[in-house]
Amino acid sequence: MAVGKKKAAPAPEELRDQVIEAIKTVYDPEIPVNIFELGLIYKVDVNDANNDVNIEMTLTSPNCPAAQSMPSEVEMKTRELDGVGEVTVAVVWDPPWTQEHMSEAARLELGMM
């Protein structure tokens, strides 16, 4: 890249896809499936104007030992992406997480199908 040329920020849809791919590298320490496939990510929104990212996620239970580390890891991996504005990660409990939130791939990985 030439000096003085700034890389163009990705389109919000492309950035959303990149955020999801980054989130897929985060694993619950007790379950060998990434948290996106586990269904712990409820929402990933990218603001069209400034590429701010808003993520809503949950945990498998309020007593989850990774309650502090997983949301922080999601935020860190999202902030590392080029073109991201501000990042907000909110842990929500409604709707409560159930195994029905898991993807088919996660269920297969865990021998639930």
PDB file of N, CA and C in Angstrom:
ATOM      1  N   MET A   1       0.847  -1.161   0.000  1.00  0.00           N
ATOM      2  CA  MET A   1       0.000   0.000   0.000  1.00  0.00           C
ATOM      3  C   MET A   1       0.898   1.232   0.000  1.00  0.00           C
ATOM      4  N   ALA A   2       0.565   2.205  -0.813  1.00  0.00           N
ATOM      5  CA  ALA A   2       1.365   3.422  -0.914  1.00  0.00           C
ATOM      6  C   ALA A   2       1.227   4.252   0.356  1.00  0.00           C
ATOM      7  N   VAL A   3       2.292   4.966   0.682  1.00  0.00           N
ATOM      8  CA  VAL A   3       2.265   5.829   1.857  1.00  0.00           C
ATOM      9  C   VAL A   3       1.221   6.911   1.659  1.00  0.00           C
ATOM     10  N   GLY A   4       0.433   7.169   2.698  1.00  0.00           N
ATOM     11  CA  GLY A   4      -0.573   8.223   2.630  1.00  0.00           C
ATOM     12  C   GLY A   4      -1.922   7.735   2.126  1.00  0.00           C
ATOM     13  N   LYS A   5      -1.991   6.532   1.601  1.00  0.00           N
ATOM     14  CA  LYS A   5      -3.274   5.998   1.127  1.00  0.00           C
ATOM     15  C   LYS A   5      -3.880   5.153   2.231  1.00  0.00           C
ATOM     16  N   LYS A   6      -5.112   5.508   2.600  1.00  0.00           N
ATOM     17  CA  LYS A   6      -5.806   4.779   3.644  1.00  0.00           C
ATOM     18  C   LYS A   6      -6.694   3.724   3.010  1.00  0.00           C
ATOM     19  N   LYS A   7      -6.692   2.544   3.610  1.00  0.00           N
ATOM     20  CA  LYS A   7      -7.527   1.459   3.120  1.00  0.00           C
ATOM     21  C   LYS A   7      -8.997   1.845   3.329  1.00  0.00           C
ATOM     22  N   ALA A   8      -9.813   1.652   2.311  1.00  0.00           N
ATOM     23  CA  ALA A   8     -11.227   1.986   2.403  1.00  0.00           C
ATOM     24  C   ALA A   8     -11.920   1.043   3.379  1.00  0.00           C
ATOM     25  N   ALA A   9     -12.827   1.615   4.154  1.00  0.00           N
ATOM     26  CA  ALA A   9     -13.592   0.806   5.103  1.00  0.00           C
ATOM     27  C   ALA A   9     -14.534  -0.111   4.323  1.00  0.00           C
ATOM     28  N   PRO A  10     -14.703  -1.342   4.787  1.00  0.00           N
ATOM     29  CA  PRO A  10     -15.614  -2.256   4.092  1.00  0.00           C
ATOM     30  C   PRO A  10     -17.063  -1.789   4.238  1.00  0.00           C
ATOM     31  N   ALA A  11     -17.901  -2.236   3.336  1.00  0.00           N
ATOM     32  CA  ALA A  11     -19.330  -1.947   3.422  1.00  0.00           C
ATOM     33  C   ALA A  11     -19.876  -2.597   4.694  1.00  0.00           C
ATOM     34  N   PRO A  12     -20.929  -2.018   5.272  1.00  0.00           N
ATOM     35  CA  PRO A  12     -21.474  -2.585   6.516  1.00  0.00           C
ATOM     36  C   PRO A  12     -21.808  -4.076   6.425  1.00  0.00           C
ATOM     37  N   GLU A  13     -22.347  -4.534   5.295  1.00  0.00           N
ATOM     38  CA  GLU A  13     -22.691  -5.954   5.166  1.00  0.00           C
ATOM     39  C   GLU A  13     -21.431  -6.816   5.190  1.00  0.00           C
ATOM     40  N   GLU A  14     -20.394  -6.333   4.498  1.00  0.00           N
ATOM     41  CA  GLU A  14     -19.126  -7.065   4.472  1.00  0.00           C
ATOM     42  C   GLU A  14     -18.484  -7.065   5.857  1.00  0.00           C
ATOM     43  N   LEU A  15     -18.554  -5.932   6.544  1.00  0.00           N
ATOM     44  CA  LEU A  15     -17.984  -5.846   7.880  1.00  0.00           C
ATOM     45  C   LEU A  15     -18.735  -6.764   8.839  1.00  0.00           C
ATOM     46  N   ARG A  16     -20.055  -6.834   8.703  1.00  0.00           N
ATOM     47  CA  ARG A  16     -20.853  -7.740   9.548  1.00  0.00           C
ATOM     48  C   ARG A  16     -20.382  -9.174   9.350  1.00  0.00           C
ATOM     49  N   ASP A  17     -20.162  -9.574   8.102  1.00  0.00           N
ATOM     50  CA  ASP A  17     -19.673 -10.922   7.813  1.00  0.00           C
ATOM     51  C   ASP A  17     -18.299 -11.151   8.452  1.00  0.00           C
ATOM     52  N   GLN A  18     -17.440 -10.143   8.408  1.00  0.00           N
ATOM     53  CA  GLN A  18     -16.113 -10.258   9.019  1.00  0.00           C
ATOM     54  C   GLN A  18     -16.215 -10.379  10.536  1.00  0.00           C
ATOM     55  N   VAL A  19     -17.146  -9.628  11.143  1.00  0.00           N
ATOM     56  CA  VAL A  19     -17.358  -9.712  12.588  1.00  0.00           C
ATOM     57  C   VAL A  19     -17.798 -11.131  12.954  1.00  0.00           C
ATOM     58  N   ILE A  20     -18.740 -11.670  12.198  1.00  0.00           N
ATOM     59  CA  ILE A  20     -19.220 -13.029  12.486  1.00  0.00           C
ATOM     60  C   ILE A  20     -18.081 -14.032  12.365  1.00  0.00           C
ATOM     61  N   GLU A  21     -17.246 -13.895  11.339  1.00  0.00           N
ATOM     62  CA  GLU A  21     -16.106 -14.806  11.190  1.00  0.00           C
ATOM     63  C   GLU A  21     -15.153 -14.677  12.383  1.00  0.00           C
ATOM     64  N   ALA A  22     -14.944 -13.451  12.878  1.00  0.00           N
ATOM     65  CA  ALA A  22     -14.089 -13.250  14.049  1.00  0.00           C
ATOM     66  C   ALA A  22     -14.713 -13.898  15.282  1.00  0.00           C
ATOM     67  N   ILE A  23     -16.029 -13.740  15.439  1.00  0.00           N
ATOM     68  CA  ILE A  23     -16.719 -14.330  16.582  1.00  0.00           C
ATOM     69  C   ILE A  23     -16.617 -15.856  16.544  1.00  0.00           C
ATOM     70  N   LYS A  24     -16.583 -16.415  15.361  1.00  0.00           N
ATOM     71  CA  LYS A  24     -16.492 -17.875  15.223  1.00  0.00           C
ATOM     72  C   LYS A  24     -15.152 -18.422  15.721  1.00  0.00           C
ATOM     73  N   THR A  25     -14.213 -17.552  16.071  1.00  0.00           N
ATOM     74  CA  THR A  25     -12.940 -18.013  16.629  1.00  0.00           C
ATOM     75  C   THR A  25     -12.975 -18.023  18.156  1.00  0.00           C
ATOM     76  N   VAL A  26     -14.124 -17.647  18.743  1.00  0.00           N
ATOM     77  CA  VAL A  26     -14.285 -17.624  20.202  1.00  0.00           C
ATOM     78  C   VAL A  26     -15.023 -18.899  20.617  1.00  0.00           C
ATOM     79  N   TYR A  27     -14.460 -19.605  21.577  1.00  0.00           N
ATOM     80  CA  TYR A  27     -15.041 -20.862  22.044  1.00  0.00           C
ATOM     81  C   TYR A  27     -15.389 -20.781  23.520  1.00  0.00           C
ATOM     82  N   ASP A  28     -16.507 -21.405  23.870  1.00  0.00           N
ATOM     83  CA  ASP A  28     -16.836 -21.603  25.274  1.00  0.00           C
ATOM     84  C   ASP A  28     -15.784 -22.579  25.797  1.00  0.00           C
ATOM     85  N   PRO A  29     -15.126 -22.268  26.917  1.00  0.00           N
ATOM     86  CA  PRO A  29     -14.046 -23.142  27.378  1.00  0.00           C
ATOM     87  C   PRO A  29     -14.505 -24.546  27.769  1.00  0.00           C
ATOM     88  N   GLU A  30     -15.794 -24.729  27.997  1.00  0.00           N
ATOM     89  CA  GLU A  30     -16.291 -26.041  28.419  1.00  0.00           C
ATOM     90  C   GLU A  30     -16.917 -26.841  27.276  1.00  0.00           C
ATOM     91  N   ILE A  31     -17.115 -26.201  26.107  1.00  0.00           N
ATOM     92  CA  ILE A  31     -17.788 -26.859  24.986  1.00  0.00           C
ATOM     93  C   ILE A  31     -16.935 -26.650  23.731  1.00  0.00           C
ATOM     94  N   PRO A  32     -16.602 -27.715  23.009  1.00  0.00           N
ATOM     95  CA  PRO A  32     -15.696 -27.580  21.855  1.00  0.00           C
ATOM     96  C   PRO A  32     -16.377 -27.085  20.568  1.00  0.00           C
ATOM     97  N   VAL A  33     -17.225 -26.065  20.699  1.00  0.00           N
ATOM     98  CA  VAL A  33     -17.925 -25.483  19.558  1.00  0.00           C
ATOM     99  C   VAL A  33     -17.842 -23.965  19.713  1.00  0.00           C
ATOM    100  N   ASN A  34     -17.672 -23.235  18.593  1.00  0.00           N
ATOM    101  CA  ASN A  34     -17.580 -21.779  18.710  1.00  0.00           C
ATOM    102  C   ASN A  34     -18.916 -21.191  19.168  1.00  0.00           C
ATOM    103  N   ILE A  35     -18.861 -20.013  19.770  1.00  0.00           N
ATOM    104  CA  ILE A  35     -20.054 -19.437  20.393  1.00  0.00           C
ATOM    105  C   ILE A  35     -21.111 -18.991  19.390  1.00  0.00           C
ATOM    106  N   PHE A  36     -20.706 -18.745  18.142  1.00  0.00           N
ATOM    107  CA  PHE A  36     -21.702 -18.393  17.126  1.00  0.00           C
ATOM    108  C   PHE A  36     -22.555 -19.613  16.803  1.00  0.00           C
ATOM    109  N   GLU A  37     -21.905 -20.755  16.566  1.00  0.00           N
ATOM    110  CA  GLU A  37     -22.636 -21.985  16.266  1.00  0.00           C
ATOM    111  C   GLU A  37     -23.421 -22.481  17.478  1.00  0.00           C
ATOM    112  N   LEU A  38     -22.947 -22.161  18.682  1.00  0.00           N
ATOM    113  CA  LEU A  38     -23.687 -22.523  19.890  1.00  0.00           C
ATOM    114  C   LEU A  38     -24.981 -21.709  20.029  1.00  0.00           C
ATOM    115  N   GLY A  39     -25.082 -20.631  19.259  1.00  0.00           N
ATOM    116  CA  GLY A  39     -26.272 -19.796  19.337  1.00  0.00           C
ATOM    117  C   GLY A  39     -26.212 -18.764  20.444  1.00  0.00           C
ATOM    118  N   LEU A  40     -25.012 -18.454  20.908  1.00  0.00           N
ATOM    119  CA  LEU A  40     -24.868 -17.460  21.974  1.00  0.00           C
ATOM    120  C   LEU A  40     -24.895 -16.026  21.452  1.00  0.00           C
ATOM    121  N   ILE A  41     -24.752 -15.844  20.153  1.00  0.00           N
ATOM    122  CA  ILE A  41     -24.797 -14.511  19.555  1.00  0.00           C
ATOM    123  C   ILE A  41     -26.211 -14.280  19.028  1.00  0.00           C
ATOM    124  N   TYR A  42     -26.894 -13.314  19.600  1.00  0.00           N
ATOM    125  CA  TYR A  42     -28.275 -13.028  19.204  1.00  0.00           C
ATOM    126  C   TYR A  42     -28.361 -11.962  18.121  1.00  0.00           C
ATOM    127  N   LYS A  43     -27.416 -11.022  18.118  1.00  0.00           N
ATOM    128  CA  LYS A  43     -27.515  -9.929  17.144  1.00  0.00           C
ATOM    129  C   LYS A  43     -26.132  -9.361  16.859  1.00  0.00           C
ATOM    130  N   VAL A  44     -25.884  -9.069  15.565  1.00  0.00           N
ATOM    131  CA  VAL A  44     -24.686  -8.336  15.140  1.00  0.00           C
ATOM    132  C   VAL A  44     -25.178  -7.261  14.186  1.00  0.00           C
ATOM    133  N   ASP A  45     -25.128  -6.017  14.629  1.00  0.00           N
ATOM    134  CA  ASP A  45     -25.545  -4.884  13.803  1.00  0.00           C
ATOM    135  C   ASP A  45     -24.350  -3.984  13.538  1.00  0.00           C
ATOM    136  N   VAL A  46     -24.244  -3.517  12.293  1.00  0.00           N
ATOM    137  CA  VAL A  46     -23.206  -2.556  11.922  1.00  0.00           C
ATOM    138  C   VAL A  46     -23.905  -1.301  11.449  1.00  0.00           C
ATOM    139  N   ASN A  47     -23.582  -0.167  12.062  1.00  0.00           N
ATOM    140  CA  ASN A  47     -24.167   1.120  11.712  1.00  0.00           C
ATOM    141  C   ASN A  47     -23.654   1.554  10.344  1.00  0.00           C
ATOM    142  N   ASP A  48     -24.569   1.876   9.438  1.00  0.00           N
ATOM    143  CA  ASP A  48     -24.198   2.266   8.073  1.00  0.00           C
ATOM    144  C   ASP A  48     -23.333   3.526   8.030  1.00  0.00           C
ATOM    145  N   ALA A  49     -23.542   4.447   8.961  1.00  0.00           N
ATOM    146  CA  ALA A  49     -22.857   5.741   8.897  1.00  0.00           C
ATOM    147  C   ALA A  49     -21.403   5.684   9.361  1.00  0.00           C
ATOM    148  N   ASN A  50     -21.133   4.897  10.411  1.00  0.00           N
ATOM    149  CA  ASN A  50     -19.784   4.971  10.983  1.00  0.00           C
ATOM    150  C   ASN A  50     -19.159   3.612  11.311  1.00  0.00           C
ATOM    151  N   ASN A  51     -19.829   2.523  10.896  1.00  0.00           N
ATOM    152  CA  ASN A  51     -19.328   1.167  11.139  1.00  0.00           C
ATOM    153  C   ASN A  51     -19.169   0.816  12.612  1.00  0.00           C
ATOM    154  N   ASP A  52     -19.972   1.485  13.472  1.00  0.00           N
ATOM    155  CA  ASP A  52     -20.033   1.042  14.863  1.00  0.00           C
ATOM    156  C   ASP A  52     -20.699  -0.326  14.876  1.00  0.00           C
ATOM    157  N   VAL A  53     -20.243  -1.195  15.761  1.00  0.00           N
ATOM    158  CA  VAL A  53     -20.765  -2.559  15.827  1.00  0.00           C
ATOM    159  C   VAL A  53     -21.449  -2.759  17.176  1.00  0.00           C
ATOM    160  N   ASN A  54     -22.689  -3.263  17.111  1.00  0.00           N
ATOM    161  CA  ASN A  54     -23.460  -3.575  18.304  1.00  0.00           C
ATOM    162  C   ASN A  54     -23.729  -5.073  18.302  1.00  0.00           C
ATOM    163  N   ILE A  55     -23.280  -5.742  19.346  1.00  0.00           N
ATOM    164  CA  ILE A  55     -23.440  -7.191  19.451  1.00  0.00           C
ATOM    165  C   ILE A  55     -24.238  -7.494  20.711  1.00  0.00           C
ATOM    166  N   GLU A  56     -25.255  -8.343  20.560  1.00  0.00           N
ATOM    167  CA  GLU A  56     -25.981  -8.865  21.713  1.00  0.00           C
ATOM    168  C   GLU A  56     -25.691 -10.346  21.784  1.00  0.00           C
ATOM    169  N   MET A  57     -25.313 -10.782  22.965  1.00  0.00           N
ATOM    170  CA  MET A  57     -24.996 -12.194  23.156  1.00  0.00           C
ATOM    171  C   MET A  57     -25.525 -12.647  24.505  1.00  0.00           C
ATOM    172  N   THR A  58     -25.537 -13.931  24.688  1.00  0.00           N
ATOM    173  CA  THR A  58     -25.926 -14.499  25.963  1.00  0.00           C
ATOM    174  C   THR A  58     -24.897 -15.536  26.357  1.00  0.00           C
ATOM    175  N   LEU A  59     -25.131 -16.183  27.452  1.00  0.00           N
ATOM    176  CA  LEU A  59     -24.274 -17.257  27.924  1.00  0.00           C
ATOM    177  C   LEU A  59     -25.154 -18.480  28.177  1.00  0.00           C
ATOM    178  N   THR A  60     -24.546 -19.634  28.286  1.00  0.00           N
ATOM    179  CA  THR A  60     -25.345 -20.839  28.483  1.00  0.00           C
ATOM    180  C   THR A  60     -26.073 -20.823  29.822  1.00  0.00           C
ATOM    181  N   SER A  61     -25.526 -20.088  30.798  1.00  0.00           N
ATOM    182  CA  SER A  61     -26.207 -19.925  32.077  1.00  0.00           C
ATOM    183  C   SER A  61     -25.645 -18.685  32.763  1.00  0.00           C
ATOM    184  N   PRO A  62     -26.436 -18.071  33.661  1.00  0.00           N
ATOM    185  CA  PRO A  62     -25.928 -16.897  34.390  1.00  0.00           C
ATOM    186  C   PRO A  62     -24.690 -17.208  35.231  1.00  0.00           C
ATOM    187  N   ASN A  63     -24.489 -18.461  35.581  1.00  0.00           N
ATOM    188  CA  ASN A  63     -23.334 -18.856  36.395  1.00  0.00           C
ATOM    189  C   ASN A  63     -22.155 -19.343  35.564  1.00  0.00           C
ATOM    190  N   CYS A  64     -22.197 -19.083  34.272  1.00  0.00           N
ATOM    191  CA  CYS A  64     -21.136 -19.521  33.360  1.00  0.00           C
ATOM    192  C   CYS A  64     -19.781 -18.999  33.846  1.00  0.00           C
ATOM    193  N   PRO A  65     -18.786 -19.892  33.984  1.00  0.00           N
ATOM    194  CA  PRO A  65     -17.470 -19.452  34.444  1.00  0.00           C
ATOM    195  C   PRO A  65     -16.782 -18.469  33.490  1.00  0.00           C
ATOM    196  N   ALA A  66     -17.227 -18.433  32.235  1.00  0.00           N
ATOM    197  CA  ALA A  66     -16.614 -17.537  31.249  1.00  0.00           C
ATOM    198  C   ALA A  66     -17.422 -16.246  31.078  1.00  0.00           C
ATOM    199  N   ALA A  67     -18.246 -15.911  32.062  1.00  0.00           N
ATOM    200  CA  ALA A  67     -19.129 -14.742  31.957  1.00  0.00           C
ATOM    201  C   ALA A  67     -18.375 -13.444  31.697  1.00  0.00           C
ATOM    202  N   GLN A  68     -17.186 -13.314  32.202  1.00  0.00           N
ATOM    203  CA  GLN A  68     -16.395 -12.109  31.977  1.00  0.00           C
ATOM    204  C   GLN A  68     -15.515 -12.229  30.735  1.00  0.00           C
ATOM    205  N   SER A  69     -14.933 -13.395  30.538  1.00  0.00           N
ATOM    206  CA  SER A  69     -13.940 -13.533  29.473  1.00  0.00           C
ATOM    207  C   SER A  69     -14.540 -13.596  28.074  1.00  0.00           C
ATOM    208  N   MET A  70     -15.644 -14.298  27.888  1.00  0.00           N
ATOM    209  CA  MET A  70     -16.185 -14.437  26.522  1.00  0.00           C
ATOM    210  C   MET A  70     -16.653 -13.106  25.936  1.00  0.00           C
ATOM    211  N   PRO A  71     -17.460 -12.303  26.645  1.00  0.00           N
ATOM    212  CA  PRO A  71     -17.840 -11.006  26.055  1.00  0.00           C
ATOM    213  C   PRO A  71     -16.626 -10.121  25.765  1.00  0.00           C
ATOM    214  N   SER A  72     -15.640 -10.146  26.638  1.00  0.00           N
ATOM    215  CA  SER A  72     -14.416  -9.360  26.416  1.00  0.00           C
ATOM    216  C   SER A  72     -13.663  -9.843  25.186  1.00  0.00           C
ATOM    217  N   GLU A  73     -13.618 -11.149  24.998  1.00  0.00           N
ATOM    218  CA  GLU A  73     -12.925 -11.714  23.828  1.00  0.00           C
ATOM    219  C   GLU A  73     -13.666 -11.356  22.543  1.00  0.00           C
ATOM    220  N   VAL A  74     -15.007 -11.403  22.575  1.00  0.00           N
ATOM    221  CA  VAL A  74     -15.806 -11.006  21.411  1.00  0.00           C
ATOM    222  C   VAL A  74     -15.513  -9.548  21.066  1.00  0.00           C
ATOM    223  N   GLU A  75     -15.488  -8.685  22.069  1.00  0.00           N
ATOM    224  CA  GLU A  75     -15.206  -7.262  21.838  1.00  0.00           C
ATOM    225  C   GLU A  75     -13.806  -7.071  21.265  1.00  0.00           C
ATOM    226  N   MET A  76     -12.817  -7.723  21.847  1.00  0.00           N
ATOM    227  CA  MET A  76     -11.432  -7.572  21.392  1.00  0.00           C
ATOM    228  C   MET A  76     -11.271  -8.027  19.937  1.00  0.00           C
ATOM    229  N   LYS A  77     -11.819  -9.191  19.607  1.00  0.00           N
ATOM    230  CA  LYS A  77     -11.671  -9.710  18.242  1.00  0.00           C
ATOM    231  C   LYS A  77     -12.403  -8.831  17.235  1.00  0.00           C
ATOM    232  N   THR A  78     -13.496  -8.212  17.640  1.00  0.00           N
ATOM    233  CA  THR A  78     -14.228  -7.309  16.756  1.00  0.00           C
ATOM    234  C   THR A  78     -13.444  -6.019  16.548  1.00  0.00           C
ATOM    235  N   ARG A  79     -12.885  -5.476  17.616  1.00  0.00           N
ATOM    236  CA  ARG A  79     -12.099  -4.229  17.519  1.00  0.00           C
ATOM    237  C   ARG A  79     -10.869  -4.383  16.629  1.00  0.00           C
ATOM    238  N   GLU A  80     -10.343  -5.589  16.516  1.00  0.00           N
ATOM    239  CA  GLU A  80      -9.142  -5.827  15.719  1.00  0.00           C
ATOM    240  C   GLU A  80      -9.393  -5.737  14.216  1.00  0.00           C
ATOM    241  N   LEU A  81     -10.642  -5.770  13.796  1.00  0.00           N
ATOM    242  CA  LEU A  81     -10.965  -5.740  12.367  1.00  0.00           C
ATOM    243  C   LEU A  81     -10.795  -4.339  11.792  1.00  0.00           C
ATOM    244  N   ASP A  82     -10.261  -4.261  10.571  1.00  0.00           N
ATOM    245  CA  ASP A  82     -10.111  -2.980   9.887  1.00  0.00           C
ATOM    246  C   ASP A  82     -11.476  -2.372   9.602  1.00  0.00           C
ATOM    247  N   GLY A  83     -11.599  -1.072   9.862  1.00  0.00           N
ATOM    248  CA  GLY A  83     -12.818  -0.351   9.502  1.00  0.00           C
ATOM    249  C   GLY A  83     -13.884  -0.320  10.569  1.00  0.00           C
ATOM    250  N   VAL A  84     -13.659  -0.992  11.697  1.00  0.00           N
ATOM    251  CA  VAL A  84     -14.656  -1.012  12.769  1.00  0.00           C
ATOM    252  C   VAL A  84     -14.602   0.296  13.550  1.00  0.00           C
ATOM    253  N   GLY A  85     -15.791   0.855  13.821  1.00  0.00           N
ATOM    254  CA  GLY A  85     -15.890   2.045  14.674  1.00  0.00           C
ATOM    255  C   GLY A  85     -15.919   1.610  16.134  1.00  0.00           C
ATOM    256  N   GLU A  86     -16.858   2.137  16.881  1.00  0.00           N
ATOM    257  CA  GLU A  86     -17.023   1.746  18.280  1.00  0.00           C
ATOM    258  C   GLU A  86     -17.638   0.349  18.348  1.00  0.00           C
ATOM    259  N   VAL A  87     -17.322  -0.380  19.403  1.00  0.00           N
ATOM    260  CA  VAL A  87     -17.861  -1.731  19.592  1.00  0.00           C
ATOM    261  C   VAL A  87     -18.567  -1.795  20.935  1.00  0.00           C
ATOM    262  N   THR A  88     -19.796  -2.299  20.898  1.00  0.00           N
ATOM    263  CA  THR A  88     -20.567  -2.513  22.119  1.00  0.00           C
ATOM    264  C   THR A  88     -20.995  -3.972  22.155  1.00  0.00           C
ATOM    265  N   VAL A  89     -20.685  -4.643  23.251  1.00  0.00           N
ATOM    266  CA  VAL A  89     -21.113  -6.030  23.449  1.00  0.00           C
ATOM    267  C   VAL A  89     -21.985  -6.048  24.693  1.00  0.00           C
ATOM    268  N   ALA A  90     -23.250  -6.426  24.517  1.00  0.00           N
ATOM    269  CA  ALA A  90     -24.187  -6.502  25.635  1.00  0.00           C
ATOM    270  C   ALA A  90     -24.551  -7.961  25.879  1.00  0.00           C
ATOM    271  N   VAL A  91     -24.476  -8.377  27.132  1.00  0.00           N
ATOM    272  CA  VAL A  91     -24.921  -9.712  27.506  1.00  0.00           C
ATOM    273  C   VAL A  91     -26.385  -9.587  27.911  1.00  0.00           C
ATOM    274  N   VAL A  92     -27.231 -10.355  27.229  1.00  0.00           N
ATOM    275  CA  VAL A  92     -28.673 -10.312  27.492  1.00  0.00           C
ATOM    276  C   VAL A  92     -29.136 -11.704  27.930  1.00  0.00           C
ATOM    277  N   TRP A  93     -30.225 -11.721  28.663  1.00  0.00           N
ATOM    278  CA  TRP A  93     -30.748 -12.990  29.175  1.00  0.00           C
ATOM    279  C   TRP A  93     -32.125 -13.311  28.618  1.00  0.00           C
ATOM    280  N   ASP A  94     -32.635 -12.457  27.748  1.00  0.00           N
ATOM    281  CA  ASP A  94     -33.952 -12.667  27.164  1.00  0.00           C
ATOM    282  C   ASP A  94     -33.840 -12.609  25.657  1.00  0.00           C
ATOM    283  N   PRO A  95     -34.105 -13.666  24.944  1.00  0.00           N
ATOM    284  CA  PRO A  95     -34.621 -14.938  25.467  1.00  0.00           C
ATOM    285  C   PRO A  95     -33.507 -15.765  26.091  1.00  0.00           C
ATOM    286  N   PRO A  96     -33.868 -16.590  27.054  1.00  0.00           N
ATOM    287  CA  PRO A  96     -32.860 -17.462  27.659  1.00  0.00           C
ATOM    288  C   PRO A  96     -32.298 -18.427  26.609  1.00  0.00           C
ATOM    289  N   TRP A  97     -31.023 -18.744  26.737  1.00  0.00           N
ATOM    290  CA  TRP A  97     -30.400 -19.680  25.811  1.00  0.00           C
ATOM    291  C   TRP A  97     -30.914 -21.082  26.092  1.00  0.00           C
ATOM    292  N   THR A  98     -31.188 -21.812  25.014  1.00  0.00           N
ATOM    293  CA  THR A  98     -31.508 -23.236  25.095  1.00  0.00           C
ATOM    294  C   THR A  98     -30.754 -23.934  23.971  1.00  0.00           C
ATOM    295  N   GLN A  99     -30.732 -25.240  24.003  1.00  0.00           N
ATOM    296  CA  GLN A  99     -30.033 -25.994  22.971  1.00  0.00           C
ATOM    297  C   GLN A  99     -30.647 -25.792  21.596  1.00  0.00           C
ATOM    298  N   GLU A 100     -31.883 -25.342  21.532  1.00  0.00           N
ATOM    299  CA  GLU A 100     -32.526 -25.076  20.249  1.00  0.00           C
ATOM    300  C   GLU A 100     -31.862 -23.916  19.500  1.00  0.00           C
ATOM    301  N   HIS A 101     -31.103 -23.083  20.198  1.00  0.00           N
ATOM    302  CA  HIS A 101     -30.384 -21.979  19.559  1.00  0.00           C
ATOM    303  C   HIS A 101     -29.158 -22.462  18.772  1.00  0.00           C
ATOM    304  N   MET A 102     -28.730 -23.671  19.047  1.00  0.00           N
ATOM    305  CA  MET A 102     -27.523 -24.199  18.413  1.00  0.00           C
ATOM    306  C   MET A 102     -27.769 -24.499  16.938  1.00  0.00           C
ATOM    307  N   SER A 103     -26.731 -24.293  16.136  1.00  0.00           N
ATOM    308  CA  SER A 103     -26.824 -24.636  14.713  1.00  0.00           C
ATOM    309  C   SER A 103     -26.800 -26.154  14.555  1.00  0.00           C
ATOM    310  N   GLU A 104     -27.196 -26.601  13.379  1.00  0.00           N
ATOM    311  CA  GLU A 104     -27.145 -28.030  13.081  1.00  0.00           C
ATOM    312  C   GLU A 104     -25.710 -28.540  13.171  1.00  0.00           C
ATOM    313  N   ALA A 105     -24.756 -27.733  12.707  1.00  0.00           N
ATOM    314  CA  ALA A 105     -23.345 -28.122  12.763  1.00  0.00           C
ATOM    315  C   ALA A 105     -22.895 -28.314  14.214  1.00  0.00           C
ATOM    316  N   ALA A 106     -23.331 -27.450  15.114  1.00  0.00           N
ATOM    317  CA  ALA A 106     -22.969 -27.587  16.521  1.00  0.00           C
ATOM    318  C   ALA A 106     -23.569 -28.845  17.129  1.00  0.00           C
ATOM    319  N   ARG A 107     -24.823 -29.123  16.781  1.00  0.00           N
ATOM    320  CA  ARG A 107     -25.474 -30.323  17.297  1.00  0.00           C
ATOM    321  C   ARG A 107     -24.767 -31.588  16.802  1.00  0.00           C
ATOM    322  N   LEU A 108     -24.351 -31.568  15.533  1.00  0.00           N
ATOM    323  CA  LEU A 108     -23.610 -32.707  14.993  1.00  0.00           C
ATOM    324  C   LEU A 108     -22.275 -32.879  15.717  1.00  0.00           C
ATOM    325  N   GLU A 109     -21.570 -31.769  15.906  1.00  0.00           N
ATOM    326  CA  GLU A 109     -20.259 -31.798  16.575  1.00  0.00           C
ATOM    327  C   GLU A 109     -20.369 -32.383  17.989  1.00  0.00           C
ATOM    328  N   LEU A 110     -21.470 -32.085  18.665  1.00  0.00           N
ATOM    329  CA  LEU A 110     -21.658 -32.545  20.043  1.00  0.00           C
ATOM    330  C   LEU A 110     -22.412 -33.862  20.141  1.00  0.00           C
ATOM    331  N   GLY A 111     -22.673 -34.487  18.981  1.00  0.00           N
ATOM    332  CA  GLY A 111     -23.340 -35.778  18.968  1.00  0.00           C
ATOM    333  C   GLY A 111     -24.790 -35.726  19.396  1.00  0.00           C
ATOM    334  N   MET A 112     -25.446 -34.613  19.118  1.00  0.00           N
ATOM    335  CA  MET A 112     -26.841 -34.444  19.531  1.00  0.00           C
ATOM    336  C   MET A 112     -27.815 -34.740  18.407  1.00  0.00           C
ATOM    337  N   MET A 113     -27.312 -35.194  17.264  1.00  0.00           N
ATOM    338  CA  MET A 113     -28.181 -35.500  16.127  1.00  0.00           C
ATOM    339  C   MET A 113     -27.897 -36.904  15.640  1.00  0.00           C
TER     340      MET A 113
END
